[in-house]
């Protein structure tokens, strides 16, 4: 496994623990399908929340959340629509969240920022 993949997997596990601690139900982790993937799908009460987890070990190339570009948003939109279709869910009560994680290897700490109800670009 590449170092970048290990960092990403570590971030997903940290985010999963974060959501469990906050009382969310974990529905899916690393949900992959043709044309896209979703890091976490969680539920709080009746709302389904699709979560993109971005993890970095330095801010040399910007904050983790800044890396969600147009193409990633397009892929996320496609994955969300496919999830509802495959699961035969007609629930429109959902949101998209971003969890930004900055890892400090020396201190063995993680700085977590949770951006709730982020609006994805309207893509056609």
PDB file of N, CA and C in Angstrom:
ATOM      1  N   UNK A   1       0.865  -1.187   0.000  1.00  0.00           N
ATOM      2  CA  UNK A   1       0.000   0.000   0.000  1.00  0.00           C
ATOM      3  C   UNK A   1       0.905   1.241   0.000  1.00  0.00           C
ATOM      4  N   UNK A   2       0.594   2.201  -0.834  1.00  0.00           N
ATOM      5  CA  UNK A   2       1.356   3.441  -0.926  1.00  0.00           C
ATOM      6  C   UNK A   2       1.144   4.280   0.326  1.00  0.00           C
ATOM      7  N   UNK A   3       2.119   5.134   0.627  1.00  0.00           N
ATOM      8  CA  UNK A   3       2.053   6.000   1.809  1.00  0.00           C
ATOM      9  C   UNK A   3       0.800   6.879   1.779  1.00  0.00           C
ATOM     10  N   UNK A   4       0.479   7.426   0.607  1.00  0.00           N
ATOM     11  CA  UNK A   4      -0.703   8.275   0.472  1.00  0.00           C
ATOM     12  C   UNK A   4      -1.980   7.497   0.813  1.00  0.00           C
ATOM     13  N   UNK A   5      -2.045   6.242   0.384  1.00  0.00           N
ATOM     14  CA  UNK A   5      -3.208   5.406   0.683  1.00  0.00           C
ATOM     15  C   UNK A   5      -3.294   5.101   2.176  1.00  0.00           C
ATOM     16  N   UNK A   6      -2.144   4.870   2.814  1.00  0.00           N
ATOM     17  CA  UNK A   6      -2.124   4.613   4.261  1.00  0.00           C
ATOM     18  C   UNK A   6      -2.632   5.826   5.030  1.00  0.00           C
ATOM     19  N   UNK A   7      -2.216   7.002   4.597  1.00  0.00           N
ATOM     20  CA  UNK A   7      -2.664   8.236   5.253  1.00  0.00           C
ATOM     21  C   UNK A   7      -4.167   8.385   5.083  1.00  0.00           C
ATOM     22  N   UNK A   8      -4.663   8.122   3.885  1.00  0.00           N
ATOM     23  CA  UNK A   8      -6.099   8.210   3.624  1.00  0.00           C
ATOM     24  C   UNK A   8      -6.899   7.213   4.452  1.00  0.00           C
ATOM     25  N   UNK A   9      -6.416   5.992   4.544  1.00  0.00           N
ATOM     26  CA  UNK A   9      -7.091   4.955   5.332  1.00  0.00           C
ATOM     27  C   UNK A   9      -7.084   5.322   6.816  1.00  0.00           C
ATOM     28  N   UNK A  10      -5.967   5.859   7.289  1.00  0.00           N
ATOM     29  CA  UNK A  10      -5.884   6.313   8.679  1.00  0.00           C
ATOM     30  C   UNK A  10      -6.916   7.410   8.935  1.00  0.00           C
ATOM     31  N   UNK A  11      -7.020   8.352   8.012  1.00  0.00           N
ATOM     32  CA  UNK A  11      -7.997   9.432   8.137  1.00  0.00           C
ATOM     33  C   UNK A  11      -9.423   8.921   8.176  1.00  0.00           C
ATOM     34  N   UNK A  12      -9.738   7.951   7.344  1.00  0.00           N
ATOM     35  CA  UNK A  12     -11.086   7.376   7.328  1.00  0.00           C
ATOM     36  C   UNK A  12     -11.410   6.699   8.656  1.00  0.00           C
ATOM     37  N   UNK A  13     -10.437   6.007   9.222  1.00  0.00           N
ATOM     38  CA  UNK A  13     -10.657   5.345  10.516  1.00  0.00           C
ATOM     39  C   UNK A  13     -10.858   6.373  11.634  1.00  0.00           C
ATOM     40  N   UNK A  14     -10.094   7.457  11.596  1.00  0.00           N
ATOM     41  CA  UNK A  14     -10.252   8.528  12.588  1.00  0.00           C
ATOM     42  C   UNK A  14     -11.634   9.152  12.456  1.00  0.00           C
ATOM     43  N   UNK A  15     -12.055   9.419  11.219  1.00  0.00           N
ATOM     44  CA  UNK A  15     -13.374  10.013  10.980  1.00  0.00           C
ATOM     45  C   UNK A  15     -14.487   9.077  11.436  1.00  0.00           C
ATOM     46  N   UNK A  16     -14.335   7.793  11.174  1.00  0.00           N
ATOM     47  CA  UNK A  16     -15.328   6.802  11.587  1.00  0.00           C
ATOM     48  C   UNK A  16     -15.495   6.817  13.110  1.00  0.00           C
ATOM     49  N   UNK A  17     -14.389   6.829  13.845  1.00  0.00           N
ATOM     50  CA  UNK A  17     -14.436   6.900  15.315  1.00  0.00           C
ATOM     51  C   UNK A  17     -15.074   8.202  15.777  1.00  0.00           C
ATOM     52  N   UNK A  18     -14.751   9.295  15.083  1.00  0.00           N
ATOM     53  CA  UNK A  18     -15.317  10.605  15.404  1.00  0.00           C
ATOM     54  C   UNK A  18     -16.842  10.564  15.301  1.00  0.00           C
ATOM     55  N   UNK A  19     -17.354  10.016  14.197  1.00  0.00           N
ATOM     56  CA  UNK A  19     -18.804   9.961  13.996  1.00  0.00           C
ATOM     57  C   UNK A  19     -19.483   9.039  15.006  1.00  0.00           C
ATOM     58  N   UNK A  20     -18.874   7.909  15.294  1.00  0.00           N
ATOM     59  CA  UNK A  20     -19.444   7.000  16.292  1.00  0.00           C
ATOM     60  C   UNK A  20     -19.540   7.696  17.649  1.00  0.00           C
ATOM     61  N   UNK A  21     -18.490   8.406  18.013  1.00  0.00           N
ATOM     62  CA  UNK A  21     -18.455   9.117  19.300  1.00  0.00           C
ATOM     63  C   UNK A  21     -19.548  10.187  19.366  1.00  0.00           C
ATOM     64  N   UNK A  22     -19.880  10.772  18.213  1.00  0.00           N
ATOM     65  CA  UNK A  22     -20.904  11.817  18.148  1.00  0.00           C
ATOM     66  C   UNK A  22     -22.319  11.252  18.013  1.00  0.00           C
ATOM     67  N   UNK A  23     -22.450   9.929  17.992  1.00  0.00           N
ATOM     68  CA  UNK A  23     -23.771   9.312  17.962  1.00  0.00           C
ATOM     69  C   UNK A  23     -24.331   9.029  16.579  1.00  0.00           C
ATOM     70  N   UNK A  24     -23.510   9.081  15.562  1.00  0.00           N
ATOM     71  CA  UNK A  24     -23.951   8.758  14.204  1.00  0.00           C
ATOM     72  C   UNK A  24     -23.888   7.249  14.007  1.00  0.00           C
ATOM     73  N   UNK A  25     -24.761   6.741  13.162  1.00  0.00           N
ATOM     74  CA  UNK A  25     -24.726   5.332  12.771  1.00  0.00           C
ATOM     75  C   UNK A  25     -23.914   5.229  11.484  1.00  0.00           C
ATOM     76  N   UNK A  26     -22.953   4.318  11.448  1.00  0.00           N
ATOM     77  CA  UNK A  26     -22.141   4.118  10.250  1.00  0.00           C
ATOM     78  C   UNK A  26     -22.884   3.150   9.329  1.00  0.00           C
ATOM     79  N   UNK A  27     -23.247   3.622   8.136  1.00  0.00           N
ATOM     80  CA  UNK A  27     -23.945   2.779   7.166  1.00  0.00           C
ATOM     81  C   UNK A  27     -22.970   2.082   6.220  1.00  0.00           C
ATOM     82  N   UNK A  28     -21.992   2.818   5.745  1.00  0.00           N
ATOM     83  CA  UNK A  28     -21.020   2.277   4.787  1.00  0.00           C
ATOM     84  C   UNK A  28     -19.680   2.973   5.000  1.00  0.00           C
ATOM     85  N   UNK A  29     -18.612   2.227   4.730  1.00  0.00           N
ATOM     86  CA  UNK A  29     -17.282   2.824   4.714  1.00  0.00           C
ATOM     87  C   UNK A  29     -16.625   2.464   3.399  1.00  0.00           C
ATOM     88  N   UNK A  30     -16.057   3.450   2.765  1.00  0.00           N
ATOM     89  CA  UNK A  30     -15.382   3.292   1.474  1.00  0.00           C
ATOM     90  C   UNK A  30     -16.309   2.586   0.477  1.00  0.00           C
ATOM     91  N   UNK A  31     -17.433   3.226   0.224  1.00  0.00           N
ATOM     92  CA  UNK A  31     -18.442   2.711  -0.699  1.00  0.00           C
ATOM     93  C   UNK A  31     -17.983   3.008  -2.124  1.00  0.00           C
ATOM     94  N   UNK A  32     -17.615   1.956  -2.851  1.00  0.00           N
ATOM     95  CA  UNK A  32     -17.100   2.115  -4.214  1.00  0.00           C
ATOM     96  C   UNK A  32     -18.114   1.628  -5.233  1.00  0.00           C
ATOM     97  N   UNK A  33     -18.197   2.353  -6.305  1.00  0.00           N
ATOM     98  CA  UNK A  33     -19.015   1.940  -7.425  1.00  0.00           C
ATOM     99  C   UNK A  33     -18.423   2.559  -8.676  1.00  0.00           C
ATOM    100  N   UNK A  34     -18.831   2.067  -9.781  1.00  0.00           N
ATOM    101  CA  UNK A  34     -18.303   2.583 -11.043  1.00  0.00           C
ATOM    102  C   UNK A  34     -18.558   4.080 -11.136  1.00  0.00           C
ATOM    103  N   UNK A  35     -17.496   4.812 -11.352  1.00  0.00           N
ATOM    104  CA  UNK A  35     -17.637   6.251 -11.525  1.00  0.00           C
ATOM    105  C   UNK A  35     -17.467   7.065 -10.266  1.00  0.00           C
ATOM    106  N   UNK A  36     -17.208   6.429  -9.131  1.00  0.00           N
ATOM    107  CA  UNK A  36     -17.008   7.218  -7.925  1.00  0.00           C
ATOM    108  C   UNK A  36     -16.938   6.384  -6.669  1.00  0.00           C
ATOM    109  N   UNK A  37     -16.564   7.060  -5.593  1.00  0.00           N
ATOM    110  CA  UNK A  37     -16.538   6.405  -4.295  1.00  0.00           C
ATOM    111  C   UNK A  37     -16.847   7.431  -3.218  1.00  0.00           C
ATOM    112  N   UNK A  38     -17.395   6.925  -2.129  1.00  0.00           N
ATOM    113  CA  UNK A  38     -17.745   7.774  -0.992  1.00  0.00           C
ATOM    114  C   UNK A  38     -17.017   7.194   0.216  1.00  0.00           C
ATOM    115  N   UNK A  39     -16.295   8.044   0.935  1.00  0.00           N
ATOM    116  CA  UNK A  39     -15.494   7.567   2.056  1.00  0.00           C
ATOM    117  C   UNK A  39     -16.350   6.996   3.179  1.00  0.00           C
ATOM    118  N   UNK A  40     -17.345   7.743   3.607  1.00  0.00           N
ATOM    119  CA  UNK A  40     -18.240   7.289   4.673  1.00  0.00           C
ATOM    120  C   UNK A  40     -19.670   7.682   4.353  1.00  0.00           C
ATOM    121  N   UNK A  41     -20.587   6.815   4.712  1.00  0.00           N
ATOM    122  CA  UNK A  41     -22.003   7.153   4.669  1.00  0.00           C
ATOM    123  C   UNK A  41     -22.514   6.900   6.072  1.00  0.00           C
ATOM    124  N   UNK A  42     -23.004   7.953   6.700  1.00  0.00           N
ATOM    125  CA  UNK A  42     -23.456   7.863   8.088  1.00  0.00           C
ATOM    126  C   UNK A  42     -24.899   8.339   8.179  1.00  0.00           C
ATOM    127  N   UNK A  43     -25.510   8.079   9.314  1.00  0.00           N
ATOM    128  CA  UNK A  43     -26.899   8.504   9.498  1.00  0.00           C
ATOM    129  C   UNK A  43     -27.054   9.088  10.894  1.00  0.00           C
ATOM    130  N   UNK A  44     -27.757  10.196  10.954  1.00  0.00           N
ATOM    131  CA  UNK A  44     -28.119  10.829  12.230  1.00  0.00           C
ATOM    132  C   UNK A  44     -29.609  11.073  12.163  1.00  0.00           C
ATOM    133  N   UNK A  45     -30.341  10.424  13.061  1.00  0.00           N
ATOM    134  CA  UNK A  45     -31.800  10.423  13.024  1.00  0.00           C
ATOM    135  C   UNK A  45     -32.229   9.888  11.668  1.00  0.00           C
ATOM    136  N   UNK A  46     -32.987  10.630  10.885  1.00  0.00           N
ATOM    137  CA  UNK A  46     -33.444  10.126   9.580  1.00  0.00           C
ATOM    138  C   UNK A  46     -32.576  10.615   8.426  1.00  0.00           C
ATOM    139  N   UNK A  47     -31.601  11.469   8.698  1.00  0.00           N
ATOM    140  CA  UNK A  47     -30.803  12.076   7.639  1.00  0.00           C
ATOM    141  C   UNK A  47     -29.594  11.215   7.283  1.00  0.00           C
ATOM    142  N   UNK A  48     -29.434  10.956   5.991  1.00  0.00           N
ATOM    143  CA  UNK A  48     -28.268  10.250   5.483  1.00  0.00           C
ATOM    144  C   UNK A  48     -27.225  11.304   5.134  1.00  0.00           C
ATOM    145  N   UNK A  49     -25.991  11.059   5.570  1.00  0.00           N
ATOM    146  CA  UNK A  49     -24.918  12.022   5.361  1.00  0.00           C
ATOM    147  C   UNK A  49     -23.773  11.333   4.628  1.00  0.00           C
ATOM    148  N   UNK A  50     -23.428  11.896   3.482  1.00  0.00           N
ATOM    149  CA  UNK A  50     -22.316  11.404   2.682  1.00  0.00           C
ATOM    150  C   UNK A  50     -21.095  12.226   3.074  1.00  0.00           C
ATOM    151  N   UNK A  51     -20.007  11.532   3.397  1.00  0.00           N
ATOM    152  CA  UNK A  51     -18.840  12.208   3.958  1.00  0.00           C
ATOM    153  C   UNK A  51     -17.606  11.969   3.098  1.00  0.00           C
ATOM    154  N   UNK A  52     -16.958  13.048   2.723  1.00  0.00           N
ATOM    155  CA  UNK A  52     -15.660  12.988   2.068  1.00  0.00           C
ATOM    156  C   UNK A  52     -14.616  13.298   3.139  1.00  0.00           C
ATOM    157  N   UNK A  53     -13.661  12.392   3.304  1.00  0.00           N
ATOM    158  CA  UNK A  53     -12.601  12.574   4.297  1.00  0.00           C
ATOM    159  C   UNK A  53     -11.319  12.925   3.559  1.00  0.00           C
ATOM    160  N   UNK A  54     -10.717  14.044   3.943  1.00  0.00           N
ATOM    161  CA  UNK A  54      -9.452  14.470   3.354  1.00  0.00           C
ATOM    162  C   UNK A  54      -8.427  14.555   4.467  1.00  0.00           C
ATOM    163  N   UNK A  55      -7.311  13.846   4.278  1.00  0.00           N
ATOM    164  CA  UNK A  55      -6.285  13.756   5.312  1.00  0.00           C
ATOM    165  C   UNK A  55      -4.937  14.176   4.742  1.00  0.00           C
ATOM    166  N   UNK A  56      -4.219  14.958   5.528  1.00  0.00           N
ATOM    167  CA  UNK A  56      -2.878  15.389   5.143  1.00  0.00           C
ATOM    168  C   UNK A  56      -1.966  15.349   6.360  1.00  0.00           C
ATOM    169  N   UNK A  57      -0.668  15.344   6.081  1.00  0.00           N
ATOM    170  CA  UNK A  57       0.323  15.392   7.154  1.00  0.00           C
ATOM    171  C   UNK A  57       1.018  16.745   7.222  1.00  0.00           C
ATOM    172  N   UNK A  58       0.745  17.613   6.256  1.00  0.00           N
ATOM    173  CA  UNK A  58       1.279  18.984   6.282  1.00  0.00           C
ATOM    174  C   UNK A  58       0.365  19.870   5.438  1.00  0.00           C
ATOM    175  N   UNK A  59       0.521  21.172   5.623  1.00  0.00           N
ATOM    176  CA  UNK A  59      -0.277  22.112   4.830  1.00  0.00           C
ATOM    177  C   UNK A  59       0.531  22.697   3.674  1.00  0.00           C
ATOM    178  N   UNK A  60       1.580  21.998   3.293  1.00  0.00           N
ATOM    179  CA  UNK A  60       2.452  22.450   2.204  1.00  0.00           C
ATOM    180  C   UNK A  60       1.667  22.720   0.918  1.00  0.00           C
ATOM    181  N   UNK A  61       0.655  21.908   0.662  1.00  0.00           N
ATOM    182  CA  UNK A  61      -0.160  22.078  -0.548  1.00  0.00           C
ATOM    183  C   UNK A  61      -1.562  22.558  -0.210  1.00  0.00           C
ATOM    184  N   UNK A  62      -1.721  23.207   0.932  1.00  0.00           N
ATOM    185  CA  UNK A  62      -3.022  23.721   1.358  1.00  0.00           C
ATOM    186  C   UNK A  62      -3.674  22.806   2.382  1.00  0.00           C
ATOM    187  N   UNK A  63      -4.796  23.262   2.886  1.00  0.00           N
ATOM    188  CA  UNK A  63      -5.558  22.476   3.851  1.00  0.00           C
ATOM    189  C   UNK A  63      -6.229  21.308   3.143  1.00  0.00           C
ATOM    190  N   UNK A  64      -6.475  20.222   3.868  1.00  0.00           N
ATOM    191  CA  UNK A  64      -7.067  19.036   3.225  1.00  0.00           C
ATOM    192  C   UNK A  64      -8.372  19.328   2.481  1.00  0.00           C
ATOM    193  N   UNK A  65      -9.247  20.117   3.093  1.00  0.00           N
ATOM    194  CA  UNK A  65     -10.560  20.376   2.496  1.00  0.00           C
ATOM    195  C   UNK A  65     -10.480  21.142   1.179  1.00  0.00           C
ATOM    196  N   UNK A  66      -9.362  21.797   0.932  1.00  0.00           N
ATOM    197  CA  UNK A  66      -9.203  22.583  -0.294  1.00  0.00           C
ATOM    198  C   UNK A  66      -8.982  21.719  -1.530  1.00  0.00           C
ATOM    199  N   UNK A  67      -8.786  20.428  -1.342  1.00  0.00           N
ATOM    200  CA  UNK A  67      -8.473  19.554  -2.472  1.00  0.00           C
ATOM    201  C   UNK A  67      -9.707  18.959  -3.153  1.00  0.00           C
ATOM    202  N   UNK A  68     -10.892  19.380  -2.751  1.00  0.00           N
ATOM    203  CA  UNK A  68     -12.110  18.856  -3.382  1.00  0.00           C
ATOM    204  C   UNK A  68     -12.444  19.760  -4.576  1.00  0.00           C
ATOM    205  N   UNK A  69     -11.940  19.364  -5.723  1.00  0.00           N
ATOM    206  CA  UNK A  69     -12.086  20.185  -6.927  1.00  0.00           C
ATOM    207  C   UNK A  69     -13.366  19.828  -7.701  1.00  0.00           C
ATOM    208  N   UNK A  70     -13.528  20.462  -8.822  1.00  0.00           N
ATOM    209  CA  UNK A  70     -14.699  20.262  -9.681  1.00  0.00           C
ATOM    210  C   UNK A  70     -14.887  18.791 -10.032  1.00  0.00           C
ATOM    211  N   UNK A  71     -13.811  18.115 -10.419  1.00  0.00           N
ATOM    212  CA  UNK A  71     -13.909  16.721 -10.861  1.00  0.00           C
ATOM    213  C   UNK A  71     -14.276  15.802  -9.697  1.00  0.00           C
ATOM    214  N   UNK A  72     -13.751  16.078  -8.516  1.00  0.00           N
ATOM    215  CA  UNK A  72     -14.103  15.285  -7.343  1.00  0.00           C
ATOM    216  C   UNK A  72     -15.576  15.508  -7.003  1.00  0.00           C
ATOM    217  N   UNK A  73     -16.043  16.748  -7.102  1.00  0.00           N
ATOM    218  CA  UNK A  73     -17.453  17.037  -6.830  1.00  0.00           C
ATOM    219  C   UNK A  73     -18.358  16.322  -7.824  1.00  0.00           C
ATOM    220  N   UNK A  74     -17.950  16.298  -9.069  1.00  0.00           N
ATOM    221  CA  UNK A  74     -18.728  15.609 -10.104  1.00  0.00           C
ATOM    222  C   UNK A  74     -18.817  14.115  -9.782  1.00  0.00           C
ATOM    223  N   UNK A  75     -17.699  13.531  -9.384  1.00  0.00           N
ATOM    224  CA  UNK A  75     -17.645  12.122  -9.011  1.00  0.00           C
ATOM    225  C   UNK A  75     -18.523  11.851  -7.783  1.00  0.00           C
ATOM    226  N   UNK A  76     -18.493  12.739  -6.803  1.00  0.00           N
ATOM    227  CA  UNK A  76     -19.306  12.587  -5.591  1.00  0.00           C
ATOM    228  C   UNK A  76     -20.796  12.671  -5.916  1.00  0.00           C
ATOM    229  N   UNK A  77     -21.186  13.617  -6.753  1.00  0.00           N
ATOM    230  CA  UNK A  77     -22.591  13.726  -7.160  1.00  0.00           C
ATOM    231  C   UNK A  77     -23.070  12.437  -7.807  1.00  0.00           C
ATOM    232  N   UNK A  78     -22.250  11.888  -8.695  1.00  0.00           N
ATOM    233  CA  UNK A  78     -22.592  10.648  -9.395  1.00  0.00           C
ATOM    234  C   UNK A  78     -22.708   9.492  -8.388  1.00  0.00           C
ATOM    235  N   UNK A  79     -21.771   9.413  -7.461  1.00  0.00           N
ATOM    236  CA  UNK A  79     -21.779   8.336  -6.466  1.00  0.00           C
ATOM    237  C   UNK A  79     -23.002   8.433  -5.550  1.00  0.00           C
ATOM    238  N   UNK A  80     -23.363   9.635  -5.142  1.00  0.00           N
ATOM    239  CA  UNK A  80     -24.540   9.821  -4.280  1.00  0.00           C
ATOM    240  C   UNK A  80     -25.803   9.377  -5.016  1.00  0.00           C
ATOM    241  N   UNK A  81     -25.951   9.816  -6.249  1.00  0.00           N
ATOM    242  CA  UNK A  81     -27.129   9.421  -7.039  1.00  0.00           C
ATOM    243  C   UNK A  81     -27.177   7.908  -7.242  1.00  0.00           C
ATOM    244  N   UNK A  82     -26.039   7.304  -7.515  1.00  0.00           N
ATOM    245  CA  UNK A  82     -25.985   5.853  -7.702  1.00  0.00           C
ATOM    246  C   UNK A  82     -26.299   5.106  -6.415  1.00  0.00           C
ATOM    247  N   UNK A  83     -25.860   5.642  -5.284  1.00  0.00           N
ATOM    248  CA  UNK A  83     -26.146   5.011  -3.994  1.00  0.00           C
ATOM    249  C   UNK A  83     -27.654   4.933  -3.772  1.00  0.00           C
ATOM    250  N   UNK A  84     -28.343   6.059  -3.969  1.00  0.00           N
ATOM    251  CA  UNK A  84     -29.798   6.076  -3.794  1.00  0.00           C
ATOM    252  C   UNK A  84     -30.479   5.110  -4.761  1.00  0.00           C
ATOM    253  N   UNK A  85     -30.016   5.075  -5.991  1.00  0.00           N
ATOM    254  CA  UNK A  85     -30.603   4.192  -6.989  1.00  0.00           C
ATOM    255  C   UNK A  85     -30.384   2.724  -6.616  1.00  0.00           C
ATOM    256  N   UNK A  86     -29.138   2.353  -6.291  1.00  0.00           N
ATOM    257  CA  UNK A  86     -28.830   0.954  -5.969  1.00  0.00           C
ATOM    258  C   UNK A  86     -29.533   0.487  -4.708  1.00  0.00           C
ATOM    259  N   UNK A  87     -29.657   1.356  -3.724  1.00  0.00           N
ATOM    260  CA  UNK A  87     -30.281   0.981  -2.457  1.00  0.00           C
ATOM    261  C   UNK A  87     -31.797   1.166  -2.491  1.00  0.00           C
ATOM    262  N   UNK A  88     -32.298   1.678  -3.631  1.00  0.00           N
ATOM    263  CA  UNK A  88     -33.735   1.924  -3.808  1.00  0.00           C
ATOM    264  C   UNK A  88     -34.306   2.801  -2.696  1.00  0.00           C
ATOM    265  N   UNK A  89     -33.559   3.870  -2.427  1.00  0.00           N
ATOM    266  CA  UNK A  89     -33.950   4.822  -1.393  1.00  0.00           C
ATOM    267  C   UNK A  89     -34.539   6.052  -2.071  1.00  0.00           C
ATOM    268  N   UNK A  90     -35.697   6.453  -1.636  1.00  0.00           N
ATOM    269  CA  UNK A  90     -36.321   7.647  -2.193  1.00  0.00           C
ATOM    270  C   UNK A  90     -36.248   8.816  -1.225  1.00  0.00           C
ATOM    271  N   UNK A  91     -35.449   8.665  -0.197  1.00  0.00           N
ATOM    272  CA  UNK A  91     -35.286   9.691   0.826  1.00  0.00           C
ATOM    273  C   UNK A  91     -34.459  10.850   0.272  1.00  0.00           C
ATOM    274  N   UNK A  92     -35.015  12.032   0.281  1.00  0.00           N
ATOM    275  CA  UNK A  92     -34.276  13.200  -0.177  1.00  0.00           C
ATOM    276  C   UNK A  92     -33.647  13.972   0.974  1.00  0.00           C
ATOM    277  N   UNK A  93     -33.792  13.459   2.190  1.00  0.00           N
ATOM    278  CA  UNK A  93     -33.239  14.138   3.354  1.00  0.00           C
ATOM    279  C   UNK A  93     -31.798  13.676   3.571  1.00  0.00           C
ATOM    280  N   UNK A  94     -30.889  14.292   2.831  1.00  0.00           N
ATOM    281  CA  UNK A  94     -29.480  13.946   2.960  1.00  0.00           C
ATOM    282  C   UNK A  94     -28.643  15.204   2.889  1.00  0.00           C
ATOM    283  N   UNK A  95     -27.393  15.056   3.287  1.00  0.00           N
ATOM    284  CA  UNK A  95     -26.461  16.166   3.159  1.00  0.00           C
ATOM    285  C   UNK A  95     -25.080  15.623   2.848  1.00  0.00           C
ATOM    286  N   UNK A  96     -24.207  16.524   2.461  1.00  0.00           N
ATOM    287  CA  UNK A  96     -22.826  16.186   2.149  1.00  0.00           C
ATOM    288  C   UNK A  96     -21.942  16.928   3.139  1.00  0.00           C
ATOM    289  N   UNK A  97     -21.090  16.184   3.838  1.00  0.00           N
ATOM    290  CA  UNK A  97     -20.159  16.767   4.801  1.00  0.00           C
ATOM    291  C   UNK A  97     -18.729  16.484   4.372  1.00  0.00           C
ATOM    292  N   UNK A  98     -17.831  17.332   4.831  1.00  0.00           N
ATOM    293  CA  UNK A  98     -16.397  17.126   4.612  1.00  0.00           C
ATOM    294  C   UNK A  98     -15.726  17.065   5.977  1.00  0.00           C
ATOM    295  N   UNK A  99     -14.889  16.055   6.156  1.00  0.00           N
ATOM    296  CA  UNK A  99     -14.071  15.968   7.358  1.00  0.00           C
ATOM    297  C   UNK A  99     -12.622  16.141   6.912  1.00  0.00           C
ATOM    298  N   UNK A 100     -12.004  17.180   7.457  1.00  0.00           N
ATOM    299  CA  UNK A 100     -10.624  17.514   7.162  1.00  0.00           C
ATOM    300  C   UNK A 100      -9.769  17.083   8.355  1.00  0.00           C
ATOM    301  N   UNK A 101      -8.742  16.287   8.066  1.00  0.00           N
ATOM    302  CA  UNK A 101      -7.884  15.781   9.142  1.00  0.00           C
ATOM    303  C   UNK A 101      -6.431  16.126   8.841  1.00  0.00           C
ATOM    304  N   UNK A 102      -5.805  16.790   9.798  1.00  0.00           N
ATOM    305  CA  UNK A 102      -4.385  17.096   9.695  1.00  0.00           C
ATOM    306  C   UNK A 102      -3.674  16.236  10.745  1.00  0.00           C
ATOM    307  N   UNK A 103      -2.826  15.323  10.268  1.00  0.00           N
ATOM    308  CA  UNK A 103      -2.115  14.421  11.164  1.00  0.00           C
ATOM    309  C   UNK A 103      -0.794  15.036  11.609  1.00  0.00           C
ATOM    310  N   UNK A 104      -0.519  14.957  12.898  1.00  0.00           N
ATOM    311  CA  UNK A 104       0.767  15.370  13.459  1.00  0.00           C
ATOM    312  C   UNK A 104       1.445  14.097  13.942  1.00  0.00           C
ATOM    313  N   UNK A 105       2.363  13.587  13.139  1.00  0.00           N
ATOM    314  CA  UNK A 105       2.996  12.304  13.449  1.00  0.00           C
ATOM    315  C   UNK A 105       3.839  12.364  14.718  1.00  0.00           C
ATOM    316  N   UNK A 106       4.526  13.475  14.941  1.00  0.00           N
ATOM    317  CA  UNK A 106       5.384  13.600  16.120  1.00  0.00           C
ATOM    318  C   UNK A 106       4.574  13.519  17.404  1.00  0.00           C
ATOM    319  N   UNK A 107       3.477  14.266  17.434  1.00  0.00           N
ATOM    320  CA  UNK A 107       2.625  14.316  18.633  1.00  0.00           C
ATOM    321  C   UNK A 107       1.599  13.182  18.667  1.00  0.00           C
ATOM    322  N   UNK A 108       1.496  12.453  17.551  1.00  0.00           N
ATOM    323  CA  UNK A 108       0.496  11.383  17.411  1.00  0.00           C
ATOM    324  C   UNK A 108      -0.911  11.921  17.700  1.00  0.00           C
ATOM    325  N   UNK A 109      -1.206  13.049  17.065  1.00  0.00           N
ATOM    326  CA  UNK A 109      -2.505  13.700  17.221  1.00  0.00           C
ATOM    327  C   UNK A 109      -3.105  13.949  15.848  1.00  0.00           C
ATOM    328  N   UNK A 110      -4.399  14.178  15.861  1.00  0.00           N
ATOM    329  CA  UNK A 110      -5.103  14.525  14.631  1.00  0.00           C
ATOM    330  C   UNK A 110      -5.997  15.728  14.902  1.00  0.00           C
ATOM    331  N   UNK A 111      -5.859  16.754  14.081  1.00  0.00           N
ATOM    332  CA  UNK A 111      -6.748  17.909  14.147  1.00  0.00           C
ATOM    333  C   UNK A 111      -7.890  17.644  13.179  1.00  0.00           C
ATOM    334  N   UNK A 112      -9.106  17.579  13.712  1.00  0.00           N
ATOM    335  CA  UNK A 112     -10.288  17.252  12.909  1.00  0.00           C
ATOM    336  C   UNK A 112     -11.163  18.485  12.756  1.00  0.00           C
ATOM    337  N   UNK A 113     -11.524  18.789  11.512  1.00  0.00           N
ATOM    338  CA  UNK A 113     -12.503  19.842  11.223  1.00  0.00           C
ATOM    339  C   UNK A 113     -13.662  19.183  10.489  1.00  0.00           C
ATOM    340  N   UNK A 114     -14.875  19.437  10.964  1.00  0.00           N
ATOM    341  CA  UNK A 114     -16.066  18.858  10.361  1.00  0.00           C
ATOM    342  C   UNK A 114     -16.880  19.980   9.734  1.00  0.00           C
ATOM    343  N   UNK A 115     -16.967  19.976   8.413  1.00  0.00           N
ATOM    344  CA  UNK A 115     -17.754  20.956   7.670  1.00  0.00           C
ATOM    345  C   UNK A 115     -19.085  20.292   7.321  1.00  0.00           C
ATOM    346  N   UNK A 116     -20.161  20.809   7.883  1.00  0.00           N
ATOM    347  CA  UNK A 116     -21.475  20.194   7.710  1.00  0.00           C
ATOM    348  C   UNK A 116     -22.264  20.841   6.574  1.00  0.00           C
ATOM    349  N   UNK A 117     -23.024  20.007   5.883  1.00  0.00           N
ATOM    350  CA  UNK A 117     -23.955  20.437   4.838  1.00  0.00           C
ATOM    351  C   UNK A 117     -23.281  21.321   3.789  1.00  0.00           C
ATOM    352  N   UNK A 118     -22.193  20.833   3.266  1.00  0.00           N
ATOM    353  CA  UNK A 118     -21.439  21.525   2.220  1.00  0.00           C
ATOM    354  C   UNK A 118     -22.198  21.374   0.909  1.00  0.00           C
ATOM    355  N   UNK A 119     -22.325  22.452   0.189  1.00  0.00           N
ATOM    356  CA  UNK A 119     -23.032  22.405  -1.090  1.00  0.00           C
ATOM    357  C   UNK A 119     -22.082  22.019  -2.209  1.00  0.00           C
ATOM    358  N   UNK A 120     -22.398  20.943  -2.889  1.00  0.00           N
ATOM    359  CA  UNK A 120     -21.630  20.556  -4.063  1.00  0.00           C
ATOM    360  C   UNK A 120     -22.066  21.446  -5.226  1.00  0.00           C
ATOM    361  N   UNK A 121     -21.137  21.701  -6.101  1.00  0.00           N
ATOM    362  CA  UNK A 121     -21.453  22.509  -7.284  1.00  0.00           C
ATOM    363  C   UNK A 121     -22.564  21.814  -8.080  1.00  0.00           C
ATOM    364  N   UNK A 122     -23.461  22.590  -8.623  1.00  0.00           N
ATOM    365  CA  UNK A 122     -24.505  22.041  -9.469  1.00  0.00           C
ATOM    366  C   UNK A 122     -23.888  21.691 -10.802  1.00  0.00           C
ATOM    367  N   UNK A 123     -23.770  20.403 -11.057  1.00  0.00           N
ATOM    368  CA  UNK A 123     -23.072  19.927 -12.243  1.00  0.00           C
ATOM    369  C   UNK A 123     -24.055  19.290 -13.207  1.00  0.00           C
ATOM    370  N   UNK A 124     -23.879  19.577 -14.451  1.00  0.00           N
ATOM    371  CA  UNK A 124     -24.747  18.988 -15.483  1.00  0.00           C
ATOM    372  C   UNK A 124     -23.954  18.052 -16.349  1.00  0.00           C
TER     373      UNK A 124
END
